[in-house]
Amino acid sequence: MPTFKIGFEFEAYCEVCGAGMCGEVHTIDSSARRGVPIIRISPCPVCEEARADEIAFLEKRSREKSERITELENEIQTLKRDLYYAQLPI
């Protein structure tokens, strides 16, 4: 069966931030599975950087919360010990 290729142009924009994605779009002539053209769009660099910043912020916040939990657990142990000693007969 004869086949033919049809060319077309399109623009791609990030759905999240609206940045143009021209440099992130890659076309491949055919798929090994189906033999049809493939369009691959890499993640938006702007959103990827924002995501990396958010991950770093959340990791830092998580460490701070863990440190605070440790401080509170230590304070509880100190208060329990003080209460125990306060209840001993003199």
PDB file of N, CA and C in Angstrom:
ATOM      1  N   MET A   1       0.848  -1.169   0.000  1.00  0.00           N
ATOM      2  CA  MET A   1       0.000   0.000   0.000  1.00  0.00           C
ATOM      3  C   MET A   1       0.900   1.239   0.000  1.00  0.00           C
ATOM      4  N   PRO A   2       0.685   2.186  -0.877  1.00  0.00           N
ATOM      5  CA  PRO A   2       1.504   3.396  -0.897  1.00  0.00           C
ATOM      6  C   PRO A   2       1.193   4.303   0.298  1.00  0.00           C
ATOM      7  N   THR A   3       2.220   4.977   0.755  1.00  0.00           N
ATOM      8  CA  THR A   3       2.048   5.925   1.867  1.00  0.00           C
ATOM      9  C   THR A   3       2.637   7.263   1.454  1.00  0.00           C
ATOM     10  N   PHE A   4       2.270   8.307   2.148  1.00  0.00           N
ATOM     11  CA  PHE A   4       2.849   9.620   1.904  1.00  0.00           C
ATOM     12  C   PHE A   4       2.912  10.388   3.216  1.00  0.00           C
ATOM     13  N   LYS A   5       3.843  11.339   3.289  1.00  0.00           N
ATOM     14  CA  LYS A   5       4.026  12.136   4.491  1.00  0.00           C
ATOM     15  C   LYS A   5       3.373  13.493   4.295  1.00  0.00           C
ATOM     16  N   ILE A   6       2.764  13.987   5.334  1.00  0.00           N
ATOM     17  CA  ILE A   6       2.163  15.319   5.316  1.00  0.00           C
ATOM     18  C   ILE A   6       2.864  16.139   6.399  1.00  0.00           C
ATOM     19  N   GLY A   7       3.395  17.269   6.055  1.00  0.00           N
ATOM     20  CA  GLY A   7       4.045  18.131   7.031  1.00  0.00           C
ATOM     21  C   GLY A   7       3.063  19.140   7.596  1.00  0.00           C
ATOM     22  N   PHE A   8       3.281  19.536   8.828  1.00  0.00           N
ATOM     23  CA  PHE A   8       2.467  20.583   9.435  1.00  0.00           C
ATOM     24  C   PHE A   8       3.299  21.288  10.496  1.00  0.00           C
ATOM     25  N   GLU A   9       2.938  22.507  10.774  1.00  0.00           N
ATOM     26  CA  GLU A   9       3.617  23.291  11.793  1.00  0.00           C
ATOM     27  C   GLU A   9       2.675  23.515  12.962  1.00  0.00           C
ATOM     28  N   PHE A  10       3.230  23.555  14.143  1.00  0.00           N
ATOM     29  CA  PHE A  10       2.424  23.825  15.335  1.00  0.00           C
ATOM     30  C   PHE A  10       3.305  24.509  16.365  1.00  0.00           C
ATOM     31  N   GLU A  11       2.692  25.137  17.316  1.00  0.00           N
ATOM     32  CA  GLU A  11       3.399  25.774  18.424  1.00  0.00           C
ATOM     33  C   GLU A  11       3.009  25.063  19.701  1.00  0.00           C
ATOM     34  N   ALA A  12       3.960  24.978  20.607  1.00  0.00           N
ATOM     35  CA  ALA A  12       3.696  24.322  21.890  1.00  0.00           C
ATOM     36  C   ALA A  12       3.999  25.318  23.016  1.00  0.00           C
ATOM     37  N   TYR A  13       3.094  25.359  23.969  1.00  0.00           N
ATOM     38  CA  TYR A  13       3.247  26.231  25.126  1.00  0.00           C
ATOM     39  C   TYR A  13       3.017  25.418  26.393  1.00  0.00           C
ATOM     40  N   CYS A  14       3.715  25.803  27.449  1.00  0.00           N
ATOM     41  CA  CYS A  14       3.539  25.134  28.739  1.00  0.00           C
ATOM     42  C   CYS A  14       2.139  25.429  29.265  1.00  0.00           C
ATOM     43  N   GLU A  15       1.459  24.398  29.667  1.00  0.00           N
ATOM     44  CA  GLU A  15       0.111  24.560  30.212  1.00  0.00           C
ATOM     45  C   GLU A  15       0.141  25.270  31.565  1.00  0.00           C
ATOM     46  N   VAL A  16       1.234  25.116  32.301  1.00  0.00           N
ATOM     47  CA  VAL A  16       1.319  25.677  33.646  1.00  0.00           C
ATOM     48  C   VAL A  16       1.682  27.156  33.623  1.00  0.00           C
ATOM     49  N   CYS A  17       2.799  27.500  32.936  1.00  0.00           N
ATOM     50  CA  CYS A  17       3.286  28.882  33.007  1.00  0.00           C
ATOM     51  C   CYS A  17       3.133  29.653  31.702  1.00  0.00           C
ATOM     52  N   GLY A  18       2.779  28.980  30.633  1.00  0.00           N
ATOM     53  CA  GLY A  18       2.569  29.645  29.360  1.00  0.00           C
ATOM     54  C   GLY A  18       3.831  29.895  28.549  1.00  0.00           C
ATOM     55  N   ALA A  19       4.978  29.410  29.014  1.00  0.00           N
ATOM     56  CA  ALA A  19       6.235  29.615  28.291  1.00  0.00           C
ATOM     57  C   ALA A  19       6.208  28.872  26.957  1.00  0.00           C
ATOM     58  N   GLY A  20       6.839  29.478  25.949  1.00  0.00           N
ATOM     59  CA  GLY A  20       6.967  28.807  24.660  1.00  0.00           C
ATOM     60  C   GLY A  20       7.869  27.590  24.792  1.00  0.00           C
ATOM     61  N   MET A  21       7.502  26.515  24.143  1.00  0.00           N
ATOM     62  CA  MET A  21       8.219  25.251  24.294  1.00  0.00           C
ATOM     63  C   MET A  21       8.914  24.819  23.012  1.00  0.00           C
ATOM     64  N   CYS A  22       9.139  25.760  22.074  1.00  0.00           N
ATOM     65  CA  CYS A  22       9.722  25.385  20.783  1.00  0.00           C
ATOM     66  C   CYS A  22      11.020  24.594  20.928  1.00  0.00           C
ATOM     67  N   GLY A  23      11.875  24.982  21.846  1.00  0.00           N
ATOM     68  CA  GLY A  23      13.140  24.282  22.031  1.00  0.00           C
ATOM     69  C   GLY A  23      13.005  22.948  22.721  1.00  0.00           C
ATOM     70  N   GLU A  24      11.818  22.641  23.216  1.00  0.00           N
ATOM     71  CA  GLU A  24      11.598  21.400  23.954  1.00  0.00           C
ATOM     72  C   GLU A  24      10.819  20.369  23.146  1.00  0.00           C
ATOM     73  N   VAL A  25      10.469  20.707  21.907  1.00  0.00           N
ATOM     74  CA  VAL A  25       9.680  19.800  21.069  1.00  0.00           C
ATOM     75  C   VAL A  25      10.609  19.061  20.115  1.00  0.00           C
ATOM     76  N   HIS A  26      10.461  17.753  20.076  1.00  0.00           N
ATOM     77  CA  HIS A  26      11.285  16.916  19.207  1.00  0.00           C
ATOM     78  C   HIS A  26      10.359  15.971  18.436  1.00  0.00           C
ATOM     79  N   THR A  27      10.598  15.848  17.167  1.00  0.00           N
ATOM     80  CA  THR A  27       9.782  14.934  16.364  1.00  0.00           C
ATOM     81  C   THR A  27      10.627  13.734  15.941  1.00  0.00           C
ATOM     82  N   ILE A  28       9.980  12.607  15.840  1.00  0.00           N
ATOM     83  CA  ILE A  28      10.617  11.368  15.412  1.00  0.00           C
ATOM     84  C   ILE A  28       9.782  10.839  14.253  1.00  0.00           C
ATOM     85  N   ASP A  29      10.435  10.405  13.186  1.00  0.00           N
ATOM     86  CA  ASP A  29       9.705   9.974  11.989  1.00  0.00           C
ATOM     87  C   ASP A  29       8.730   8.844  12.244  1.00  0.00           C
ATOM     88  N   SER A  30       9.150   7.834  12.987  1.00  0.00           N
ATOM     89  CA  SER A  30       8.223   6.730  13.178  1.00  0.00           C
ATOM     90  C   SER A  30       8.484   6.021  14.490  1.00  0.00           C
ATOM     91  N   SER A  31       7.462   5.390  14.963  1.00  0.00           N
ATOM     92  CA  SER A  31       7.521   4.607  16.177  1.00  0.00           C
ATOM     93  C   SER A  31       7.808   3.153  15.823  1.00  0.00           C
ATOM     94  N   ALA A  32       8.650   2.525  16.579  1.00  0.00           N
ATOM     95  CA  ALA A  32       8.946   1.107  16.336  1.00  0.00           C
ATOM     96  C   ALA A  32       7.691   0.262  16.537  1.00  0.00           C
ATOM     97  N   ARG A  33       6.796   0.719  17.370  1.00  0.00           N
ATOM     98  CA  ARG A  33       5.591  -0.066  17.651  1.00  0.00           C
ATOM     99  C   ARG A  33       4.513   0.103  16.584  1.00  0.00           C
ATOM    100  N   ARG A  34       4.293   1.329  16.140  1.00  0.00           N
ATOM    101  CA  ARG A  34       3.146   1.564  15.267  1.00  0.00           C
ATOM    102  C   ARG A  34       3.507   2.108  13.893  1.00  0.00           C
ATOM    103  N   GLY A  35       4.725   2.569  13.726  1.00  0.00           N
ATOM    104  CA  GLY A  35       5.108   3.123  12.443  1.00  0.00           C
ATOM    105  C   GLY A  35       4.465   4.465  12.146  1.00  0.00           C
ATOM    106  N   VAL A  36       4.159   5.234  13.186  1.00  0.00           N
ATOM    107  CA  VAL A  36       3.542   6.554  13.013  1.00  0.00           C
ATOM    108  C   VAL A  36       4.453   7.622  13.590  1.00  0.00           C
ATOM    109  N   PRO A  37       4.335   8.855  13.123  1.00  0.00           N
ATOM    110  CA  PRO A  37       5.181   9.926  13.665  1.00  0.00           C
ATOM    111  C   PRO A  37       4.940  10.141  15.161  1.00  0.00           C
ATOM    112  N   ILE A  38       6.002  10.564  15.843  1.00  0.00           N
ATOM    113  CA  ILE A  38       5.935  10.815  17.283  1.00  0.00           C
ATOM    114  C   ILE A  38       6.364  12.243  17.537  1.00  0.00           C
ATOM    115  N   ILE A  39       5.671  12.902  18.436  1.00  0.00           N
ATOM    116  CA  ILE A  39       6.075  14.225  18.913  1.00  0.00           C
ATOM    117  C   ILE A  39       6.379  14.075  20.392  1.00  0.00           C
ATOM    118  N   ARG A  40       7.606  14.416  20.790  1.00  0.00           N
ATOM    119  CA  ARG A  40       7.997  14.367  22.198  1.00  0.00           C
ATOM    120  C   ARG A  40       8.200  15.793  22.679  1.00  0.00           C
ATOM    121  N   ILE A  41       7.600  16.118  23.800  1.00  0.00           N
ATOM    122  CA  ILE A  41       7.755  17.450  24.380  1.00  0.00           C
ATOM    123  C   ILE A  41       8.371  17.277  25.760  1.00  0.00           C
ATOM    124  N   SER A  42       9.568  17.820  25.917  1.00  0.00           N
ATOM    125  CA  SER A  42      10.263  17.745  27.204  1.00  0.00           C
ATOM    126  C   SER A  42       9.580  18.675  28.202  1.00  0.00           C
ATOM    127  N   PRO A  43       9.778  18.428  29.499  1.00  0.00           N
ATOM    128  CA  PRO A  43       9.187  19.318  30.494  1.00  0.00           C
ATOM    129  C   PRO A  43       9.680  20.761  30.312  1.00  0.00           C
ATOM    130  N   CYS A  44       8.838  21.677  30.656  1.00  0.00           N
ATOM    131  CA  CYS A  44       9.158  23.103  30.558  1.00  0.00           C
ATOM    132  C   CYS A  44      10.317  23.432  31.497  1.00  0.00           C
ATOM    133  N   PRO A  45      11.390  24.041  30.982  1.00  0.00           N
ATOM    134  CA  PRO A  45      12.531  24.368  31.841  1.00  0.00           C
ATOM    135  C   PRO A  45      12.172  25.324  32.976  1.00  0.00           C
ATOM    136  N   VAL A  46      11.269  26.249  32.706  1.00  0.00           N
ATOM    137  CA  VAL A  46      10.858  27.207  33.742  1.00  0.00           C
ATOM    138  C   VAL A  46      10.157  26.468  34.886  1.00  0.00           C
ATOM    139  N   CYS A  47       9.223  25.599  34.531  1.00  0.00           N
ATOM    140  CA  CYS A  47       8.487  24.846  35.554  1.00  0.00           C
ATOM    141  C   CYS A  47       9.386  23.813  36.241  1.00  0.00           C
ATOM    142  N   GLU A  48      10.317  23.217  35.496  1.00  0.00           N
ATOM    143  CA  GLU A  48      11.257  22.270  36.097  1.00  0.00           C
ATOM    144  C   GLU A  48      12.099  22.959  37.168  1.00  0.00           C
ATOM    145  N   GLU A  49      12.570  24.178  36.873  1.00  0.00           N
ATOM    146  CA  GLU A  49      13.364  24.918  37.854  1.00  0.00           C
ATOM    147  C   GLU A  49      12.515  25.285  39.061  1.00  0.00           C
ATOM    148  N   ALA A  50      11.286  25.724  38.816  1.00  0.00           N
ATOM    149  CA  ALA A  50      10.385  26.062  39.919  1.00  0.00           C
ATOM    150  C   ALA A  50      10.100  24.826  40.771  1.00  0.00           C
ATOM    151  N   ARG A  51       9.928  23.691  40.122  1.00  0.00           N
ATOM    152  CA  ARG A  51       9.675  22.440  40.852  1.00  0.00           C
ATOM    153  C   ARG A  51      10.879  22.056  41.700  1.00  0.00           C
ATOM    154  N   ALA A  52      12.082  22.205  41.133  1.00  0.00           N
ATOM    155  CA  ALA A  52      13.298  21.890  41.889  1.00  0.00           C
ATOM    156  C   ALA A  52      13.425  22.810  43.101  1.00  0.00           C
ATOM    157  N   ASP A  53      13.098  24.099  42.927  1.00  0.00           N
ATOM    158  CA  ASP A  53      13.140  25.042  44.045  1.00  0.00           C
ATOM    159  C   ASP A  53      12.124  24.663  45.122  1.00  0.00           C
ATOM    160  N   GLU A  54      10.935  24.263  44.682  1.00  0.00           N
ATOM    161  CA  GLU A  54       9.896  23.875  45.638  1.00  0.00           C
ATOM    162  C   GLU A  54      10.303  22.612  46.400  1.00  0.00           C
ATOM    163  N   ILE A  55      10.893  21.657  45.701  1.00  0.00           N
ATOM    164  CA  ILE A  55      11.356  20.432  46.359  1.00  0.00           C
ATOM    165  C   ILE A  55      12.421  20.762  47.404  1.00  0.00           C
ATOM    166  N   ALA A  56      13.371  21.633  47.038  1.00  0.00           N
ATOM    167  CA  ALA A  56      14.421  22.023  47.985  1.00  0.00           C
ATOM    168  C   ALA A  56      13.810  22.707  49.204  1.00  0.00           C
ATOM    169  N   PHE A  57      12.840  23.589  48.981  1.00  0.00           N
ATOM    170  CA  PHE A  57      12.166  24.278  50.088  1.00  0.00           C
ATOM    171  C   PHE A  57      11.452  23.280  50.995  1.00  0.00           C
ATOM    172  N   LEU A  58      10.729  22.335  50.399  1.00  0.00           N
ATOM    173  CA  LEU A  58       9.982  21.359  51.190  1.00  0.00           C
ATOM    174  C   LEU A  58      10.914  20.414  51.953  1.00  0.00           C
ATOM    175  N   GLU A  59      12.042  20.052  51.342  1.00  0.00           N
ATOM    176  CA  GLU A  59      13.013  19.209  52.045  1.00  0.00           C
ATOM    177  C   GLU A  59      13.588  19.953  53.253  1.00  0.00           C
ATOM    178  N   LYS A  60      13.907  21.243  53.065  1.00  0.00           N
ATOM    179  CA  LYS A  60      14.419  22.049  54.169  1.00  0.00           C
ATOM    180  C   LYS A  60      13.377  22.160  55.273  1.00  0.00           C
ATOM    181  N   ARG A  61      12.137  22.412  54.882  1.00  0.00           N
ATOM    182  CA  ARG A  61      11.057  22.538  55.869  1.00  0.00           C
ATOM    183  C   ARG A  61      10.862  21.221  56.625  1.00  0.00           C
ATOM    184  N   SER A  62      10.962  20.108  55.905  1.00  0.00           N
ATOM    185  CA  SER A  62      10.827  18.799  56.531  1.00  0.00           C
ATOM    186  C   SER A  62      11.933  18.564  57.557  1.00  0.00           C
ATOM    187  N   ARG A  63      13.175  18.937  57.196  1.00  0.00           N
ATOM    188  CA  ARG A  63      14.288  18.799  58.152  1.00  0.00           C
ATOM    189  C   ARG A  63      14.049  19.660  59.392  1.00  0.00           C
ATOM    190  N   GLU A  64      13.571  20.889  59.172  1.00  0.00           N
ATOM    191  CA  GLU A  64      13.294  21.775  60.302  1.00  0.00           C
ATOM    192  C   GLU A  64      12.218  21.188  61.205  1.00  0.00           C
ATOM    193  N   LYS A  65      11.175  20.638  60.615  1.00  0.00           N
ATOM    194  CA  LYS A  65      10.095  20.027  61.408  1.00  0.00           C
ATOM    195  C   LYS A  65      10.615  18.814  62.181  1.00  0.00           C
ATOM    196  N   SER A  66      11.463  18.002  61.543  1.00  0.00           N
ATOM    197  CA  SER A  66      12.034  16.840  62.224  1.00  0.00           C
ATOM    198  C   SER A  66      12.894  17.272  63.401  1.00  0.00           C
ATOM    199  N   GLU A  67      13.684  18.332  63.201  1.00  0.00           N
ATOM    200  CA  GLU A  67      14.510  18.856  64.291  1.00  0.00           C
ATOM    201  C   GLU A  67      13.643  19.360  65.434  1.00  0.00           C
ATOM    202  N   ARG A  68      12.547  20.042  65.093  1.00  0.00           N
ATOM    203  CA  ARG A  68      11.641  20.555  66.128  1.00  0.00           C
ATOM    204  C   ARG A  68      10.989  19.402  66.886  1.00  0.00           C
ATOM    205  N   ILE A  69      10.614  18.344  66.187  1.00  0.00           N
ATOM    206  CA  ILE A  69      10.022  17.175  66.841  1.00  0.00           C
ATOM    207  C   ILE A  69      11.024  16.575  67.820  1.00  0.00           C
ATOM    208  N   THR A  70      12.277  16.468  67.400  1.00  0.00           N
ATOM    209  CA  THR A  70      13.319  15.934  68.286  1.00  0.00           C
ATOM    210  C   THR A  70      13.471  16.818  69.516  1.00  0.00           C
ATOM    211  N   GLU A  71      13.476  18.130  69.328  1.00  0.00           N
ATOM    212  CA  GLU A  71      13.573  19.057  70.465  1.00  0.00           C
ATOM    213  C   GLU A  71      12.418  18.854  71.437  1.00  0.00           C
ATOM    214  N   LEU A  72      11.203  18.737  70.903  1.00  0.00           N
ATOM    215  CA  LEU A  72      10.028  18.559  71.767  1.00  0.00           C
ATOM    216  C   LEU A  72      10.061  17.211  72.485  1.00  0.00           C
ATOM    217  N   GLU A  73      10.513  16.168  71.803  1.00  0.00           N
ATOM    218  CA  GLU A  73      10.626  14.867  72.460  1.00  0.00           C
ATOM    219  C   GLU A  73      11.641  14.920  73.593  1.00  0.00           C
ATOM    220  N   ASN A  74      12.753  15.613  73.378  1.00  0.00           N
ATOM    221  CA  ASN A  74      13.753  15.769  74.432  1.00  0.00           C
ATOM    222  C   ASN A  74      13.191  16.571  75.600  1.00  0.00           C
ATOM    223  N   GLU A  75      12.413  17.606  75.293  1.00  0.00           N
ATOM    224  CA  GLU A  75      11.799  18.408  76.347  1.00  0.00           C
ATOM    225  C   GLU A  75      10.811  17.577  77.158  1.00  0.00           C
ATOM    226  N   ILE A  76      10.051  16.730  76.484  1.00  0.00           N
ATOM    227  CA  ILE A  76       9.108  15.848  77.185  1.00  0.00           C
ATOM    228  C   ILE A  76       9.864  14.918  78.131  1.00  0.00           C
ATOM    229  N   GLN A  77      10.967  14.340  77.670  1.00  0.00           N
ATOM    230  CA  GLN A  77      11.760  13.450  78.519  1.00  0.00           C
ATOM    231  C   GLN A  77      12.294  14.206  79.743  1.00  0.00           C
ATOM    232  N   THR A  78      12.748  15.428  79.540  1.00  0.00           N
ATOM    233  CA  THR A  78      13.248  16.242  80.650  1.00  0.00           C
ATOM    234  C   THR A  78      12.136  16.525  81.640  1.00  0.00           C
ATOM    235  N   LEU A  79      10.959  16.875  81.154  1.00  0.00           N
ATOM    236  CA  LEU A  79       9.826  17.164  82.035  1.00  0.00           C
ATOM    237  C   LEU A  79       9.384  15.913  82.792  1.00  0.00           C
ATOM    238  N   LYS A  80       9.391  14.764  82.125  1.00  0.00           N
ATOM    239  CA  LYS A  80       9.046  13.516  82.811  1.00  0.00           C
ATOM    240  C   LYS A  80      10.041  13.221  83.934  1.00  0.00           C
ATOM    241  N   ARG A  81      11.328  13.419  83.647  1.00  0.00           N
ATOM    242  CA  ARG A  81      12.352  13.180  84.658  1.00  0.00           C
ATOM    243  C   ARG A  81      12.180  14.145  85.827  1.00  0.00           C
ATOM    244  N   ASP A  82      11.942  15.425  85.527  1.00  0.00           N
ATOM    245  CA  ASP A  82      11.744  16.416  86.584  1.00  0.00           C
ATOM    246  C   ASP A  82      10.519  16.077  87.432  1.00  0.00           C
ATOM    247  N   LEU A  83       9.441  15.639  86.785  1.00  0.00           N
ATOM    248  CA  LEU A  83       8.232  15.266  87.503  1.00  0.00           C
ATOM    249  C   LEU A  83       8.509  14.053  88.394  1.00  0.00           C
ATOM    250  N   TYR A  84       9.235  13.100  87.889  1.00  0.00           N
ATOM    251  CA  TYR A  84       9.570  11.901  88.673  1.00  0.00           C
ATOM    252  C   TYR A  84      10.347  12.318  89.938  1.00  0.00           C
ATOM    253  N   TYR A  85      11.374  13.150  89.766  1.00  0.00           N
ATOM    254  CA  TYR A  85      12.168  13.572  90.911  1.00  0.00           C
ATOM    255  C   TYR A  85      11.390  14.453  91.867  1.00  0.00           C
ATOM    256  N   ALA A  86      10.448  15.217  91.356  1.00  0.00           N
ATOM    257  CA  ALA A  86       9.631  16.080  92.214  1.00  0.00           C
ATOM    258  C   ALA A  86       8.681  15.244  93.092  1.00  0.00           C
ATOM    259  N   GLN A  87       8.350  14.030  92.692  1.00  0.00           N
ATOM    260  CA  GLN A  87       7.429  13.197  93.441  1.00  0.00           C
ATOM    261  C   GLN A  87       8.130  12.307  94.458  1.00  0.00           C
ATOM    262  N   LEU A  88       9.466  12.261  94.416  1.00  0.00           N
ATOM    263  CA  LEU A  88      10.201  11.444  95.388  1.00  0.00           C
ATOM    264  C   LEU A  88      10.117  12.079  96.776  1.00  0.00           C
ATOM    265  N   PRO A  89       9.997  11.236  97.779  1.00  0.00           N
ATOM    266  CA  PRO A  89       9.958  11.789  99.148  1.00  0.00           C
ATOM    267  C   PRO A  89      11.322  12.371  99.519  1.00  0.00           C
ATOM    268  N   ILE A  90      11.294  13.420 100.277  1.00  0.00           N
ATOM    269  CA  ILE A  90      12.528  14.085 100.688  1.00  0.00           C
ATOM    270  C   ILE A  90      13.031  13.489 101.976  1.00  0.00           C
TER     271      ILE A  90
END
